[in-house]
Amino acid sequence: PRGQEVTKTVKSLCELCVNLEFFVLKMFSYSPNRLKRSFTMLIFAIDPGREKCGVALYDSENGLNFKKVIDSVELVQLCKEQLITHNNVKVIMGNGTSSLQHQKNINELLLAFEQSLELVDEYKTTELATKLYWQEHNPKWWQRILPTSMLIPPQPVDDYVALILAQRYAGVGAIV
C-alpha cells in the first residue's frame, strides 16, 4: 500500500511537471530567446584585449547605458564598480584571443559577489562593430566612395564589440 502511494505521488508530480513545461512553452511561443527576453537583464559586457578593453553596460529592455574603451589595467576596478552600483548586473566576456588572463581576474572578483562569468562567442564581432561605427558616424564625403567594410575607423571599436556581445547574450538587437 505505501509503495502504491509513492508511485501515485511520483506520477502526479511528473504530470505536473509536464503541464508546467507545456504552459511555459505555450506562454513564450516556444522560443527560448523570447523567454530570455521577457525579463529585463542588465549586462556588463567586456571585449578583452591586451592593452585596451571595450566595455558596455546594456539593459535588455532600455538599450545601451554606456560604452567605452578603457585600459586593460582598469577593467577589474570598473567591473567592481558596476557590480556594487547595480546589484542585478550580469558580467559577460568575449571568448577572444586575450580573454584568458582577464577571465582569471574577473572570475576572482565575481566569486566575492557570488556570480560567475559567462563567455560569449566573438565570431565576426569586429567586422560588425566596424559596420555599426560607420552607421553612427557618417563617413566623410570622399570616404563614401568606398564600401564601409573597406574603411578603417579613426578610433578603436572595442566598445562597439562589447555592445554587440551584450546584444548577442540578451538575444536582442539587429546584430545577434
Protein backbone atom coordinates (compact mmCIF):
# COMPACT_ATOMS: atom_id res chain seq x y z
CA PRO A 1 0.00 0.00 0.00
CA ARG A 2 2.74 2.52 0.90
CA GLY A 3 4.59 1.75 -2.35
CA GLN A 4 1.42 2.43 -4.36
CA GLU A 5 1.01 5.84 -2.67
CA VAL A 6 4.58 6.75 -3.54
CA THR A 7 4.05 5.64 -7.14
CA LYS A 8 0.86 7.74 -7.41
CA THR A 9 2.65 10.75 -5.94
CA VAL A 10 5.56 10.40 -8.35
CA LYS A 11 3.15 10.07 -11.31
CA SER A 12 1.26 13.16 -10.14
CA LEU A 13 4.48 15.13 -9.86
CA CYS A 14 5.56 14.02 -13.34
CA GLU A 15 2.22 15.10 -14.80
CA LEU A 16 2.52 18.43 -13.00
CA CYS A 17 6.00 18.96 -14.46
CA VAL A 18 4.83 18.13 -17.99
CA ASN A 19 1.87 20.51 -17.63
CA LEU A 20 4.11 23.26 -16.26
CA GLU A 21 6.60 22.79 -19.10
CA PHE A 22 3.77 22.93 -21.66
CA PHE A 23 2.39 26.10 -20.04
CA VAL A 24 5.78 27.84 -20.09
CA LEU A 25 6.46 26.86 -23.70
CA LYS A 26 2.99 27.96 -24.79
CA MET A 27 3.25 31.22 -22.86
CA PHE A 28 6.54 32.13 -24.53
CA SER A 29 5.61 30.85 -28.01
CA TYR A 30 8.13 28.00 -27.92
CA SER A 31 11.00 30.47 -28.30
CA PRO A 32 13.94 30.22 -25.90
CA ASN A 33 15.12 33.70 -26.98
CA ARG A 34 11.71 35.16 -26.25
CA LEU A 35 11.79 33.51 -22.83
CA LYS A 36 15.20 35.06 -22.23
CA ARG A 37 13.99 38.48 -23.44
CA SER A 38 10.86 38.59 -21.32
CA PHE A 39 12.89 39.51 -18.25
CA THR A 40 14.95 42.67 -18.01
CA MET A 41 18.67 41.96 -17.85
CA LEU A 42 21.42 44.40 -17.02
CA ILE A 43 24.55 43.17 -18.77
CA PHE A 44 28.11 44.38 -18.30
CA ALA A 45 29.87 43.19 -21.45
CA ILE A 46 33.65 43.04 -21.89
CA ASP A 47 35.65 42.79 -25.10
CA PRO A 48 39.05 41.76 -23.68
CA GLY A 49 42.31 42.98 -25.15
CA ARG A 50 45.97 43.04 -24.19
CA GLU A 51 46.30 46.82 -23.86
CA LYS A 52 42.70 48.03 -24.03
CA CYS A 53 39.24 46.60 -23.44
CA GLY A 54 35.84 47.58 -24.71
CA VAL A 55 33.09 47.66 -22.12
CA ALA A 56 29.36 48.28 -22.36
CA LEU A 57 26.55 48.36 -19.83
CA TYR A 58 23.43 47.21 -21.62
CA ASP A 59 19.85 47.00 -20.39
CA SER A 60 17.90 44.42 -22.41
CA GLU A 61 14.73 46.49 -22.09
CA ASN A 62 16.01 50.07 -22.43
CA GLY A 63 19.15 49.56 -24.51
CA LEU A 64 22.63 50.93 -24.04
CA ASN A 65 23.53 52.70 -20.78
CA PHE A 66 27.15 53.38 -21.71
CA LYS A 67 30.05 52.04 -23.73
CA LYS A 68 33.70 52.98 -23.75
CA VAL A 69 37.23 51.80 -24.39
CA ILE A 70 39.43 51.56 -21.30
CA ASP A 71 42.99 50.49 -20.47
CA SER A 72 43.14 46.81 -19.57
CA VAL A 73 44.51 47.62 -16.12
CA GLU A 74 41.27 49.50 -15.30
CA LEU A 75 39.00 46.57 -16.14
CA VAL A 76 38.69 44.87 -12.74
CA GLN A 77 38.06 48.18 -10.95
CA LEU A 78 35.35 49.24 -13.42
CA CYS A 79 33.72 45.82 -13.21
CA LYS A 80 33.73 46.04 -9.41
CA GLU A 81 32.10 49.49 -9.57
CA GLN A 82 29.33 48.14 -11.80
CA LEU A 83 28.71 45.17 -9.50
CA ILE A 84 28.46 47.48 -6.48
CA THR A 85 26.31 50.09 -8.24
CA HIS A 86 23.91 47.63 -9.90
CA ASN A 87 23.01 44.62 -7.78
CA ASN A 88 21.43 42.74 -10.69
CA VAL A 89 24.17 43.05 -13.31
CA LYS A 90 25.38 40.01 -15.26
CA VAL A 91 29.02 40.06 -16.36
CA ILE A 92 29.86 38.55 -19.75
CA MET A 93 33.07 38.46 -21.77
CA GLY A 94 34.04 37.69 -25.33
CA ASN A 95 35.99 34.48 -25.76
CA GLY A 96 38.67 36.08 -27.97
CA THR A 97 42.43 35.93 -28.05
CA SER A 98 43.37 37.67 -24.80
CA SER A 99 40.46 36.63 -22.67
CA LEU A 100 42.26 34.02 -20.54
CA GLN A 101 44.11 36.40 -18.19
CA HIS A 102 41.09 38.69 -17.95
CA GLN A 103 38.85 35.68 -17.26
CA LYS A 104 41.01 34.72 -14.30
CA ASN A 105 40.96 38.25 -12.84
CA ILE A 106 37.23 38.79 -13.35
CA ASN A 107 36.35 35.33 -12.01
CA GLU A 108 38.25 36.10 -8.80
CA LEU A 109 36.24 39.31 -8.44
CA LEU A 110 32.92 37.63 -9.24
CA LEU A 111 33.47 34.98 -6.56
CA ALA A 112 33.15 37.72 -3.95
CA PHE A 113 29.77 38.66 -5.47
CA GLU A 114 28.68 35.02 -5.79
CA GLN A 115 28.46 35.25 -9.56
CA SER A 116 30.07 33.51 -12.48
CA LEU A 117 31.44 34.88 -15.72
CA GLU A 118 29.76 33.85 -18.94
CA LEU A 119 31.65 33.73 -22.22
CA VAL A 120 30.08 34.83 -25.50
CA ASP A 121 31.28 33.92 -28.98
CA GLU A 122 33.22 36.78 -30.58
CA TYR A 123 32.91 35.47 -34.13
CA LYS A 124 32.87 38.39 -36.60
CA THR A 125 32.21 40.98 -33.89
CA THR A 126 34.99 43.29 -35.08
CA GLU A 127 33.51 43.40 -38.58
CA LEU A 128 30.05 44.04 -37.17
CA ALA A 129 31.42 46.70 -34.82
CA THR A 130 33.12 48.50 -37.70
CA LYS A 131 29.84 48.46 -39.63
CA LEU A 132 27.97 49.77 -36.58
CA TYR A 133 30.58 52.50 -36.09
CA TRP A 134 30.07 53.79 -39.65
CA GLN A 135 26.28 53.67 -39.19
CA GLU A 136 26.63 56.04 -36.23
CA HIS A 137 29.41 58.21 -37.70
CA ASN A 138 28.82 59.11 -41.31
CA PRO A 139 31.95 58.79 -43.45
CA LYS A 140 33.40 61.98 -44.89
CA TRP A 141 32.34 62.80 -48.43
CA TRP A 142 35.44 61.27 -50.03
CA GLN A 143 35.09 58.08 -47.93
CA ARG A 144 31.58 57.44 -49.20
CA ILE A 145 33.03 56.18 -52.47
CA LEU A 146 34.29 53.05 -50.69
CA PRO A 147 32.10 50.43 -49.04
CA THR A 148 32.16 50.75 -45.24
CA SER A 149 33.75 47.30 -44.98
CA MET A 150 36.90 48.81 -46.53
CA LEU A 151 37.02 51.85 -44.23
CA ILE A 152 39.08 51.85 -41.06
CA PRO A 153 37.52 53.77 -38.16
CA PRO A 154 39.73 56.55 -36.74
CA GLN A 155 39.30 55.17 -33.20
CA PRO A 156 39.13 51.69 -31.63
CA VAL A 157 35.78 49.92 -31.93
CA ASP A 158 36.20 47.67 -28.87
CA ASP A 159 33.27 49.41 -27.15
CA TYR A 160 31.04 48.57 -30.12
CA VAL A 161 32.23 44.96 -29.89
CA ALA A 162 31.20 44.91 -26.21
CA LEU A 163 27.77 46.26 -27.19
CA ILE A 164 27.36 43.53 -29.81
CA LEU A 165 28.38 40.87 -27.26
CA ALA A 166 25.73 42.18 -24.84
CA GLN A 167 23.10 42.10 -27.58
CA ARG A 168 24.09 38.56 -28.52
CA TYR A 169 23.83 37.45 -24.92
CA ALA A 170 20.44 39.11 -24.46
CA GLY A 171 19.19 37.80 -27.80
CA VAL A 172 18.08 41.27 -28.89
CA GLY A 173 19.12 43.93 -31.34
CA ALA A 174 19.61 43.93 -35.04
CA ILE A 175 23.03 42.34 -34.72
CA VAL A 176 22.85 38.99 -32.96
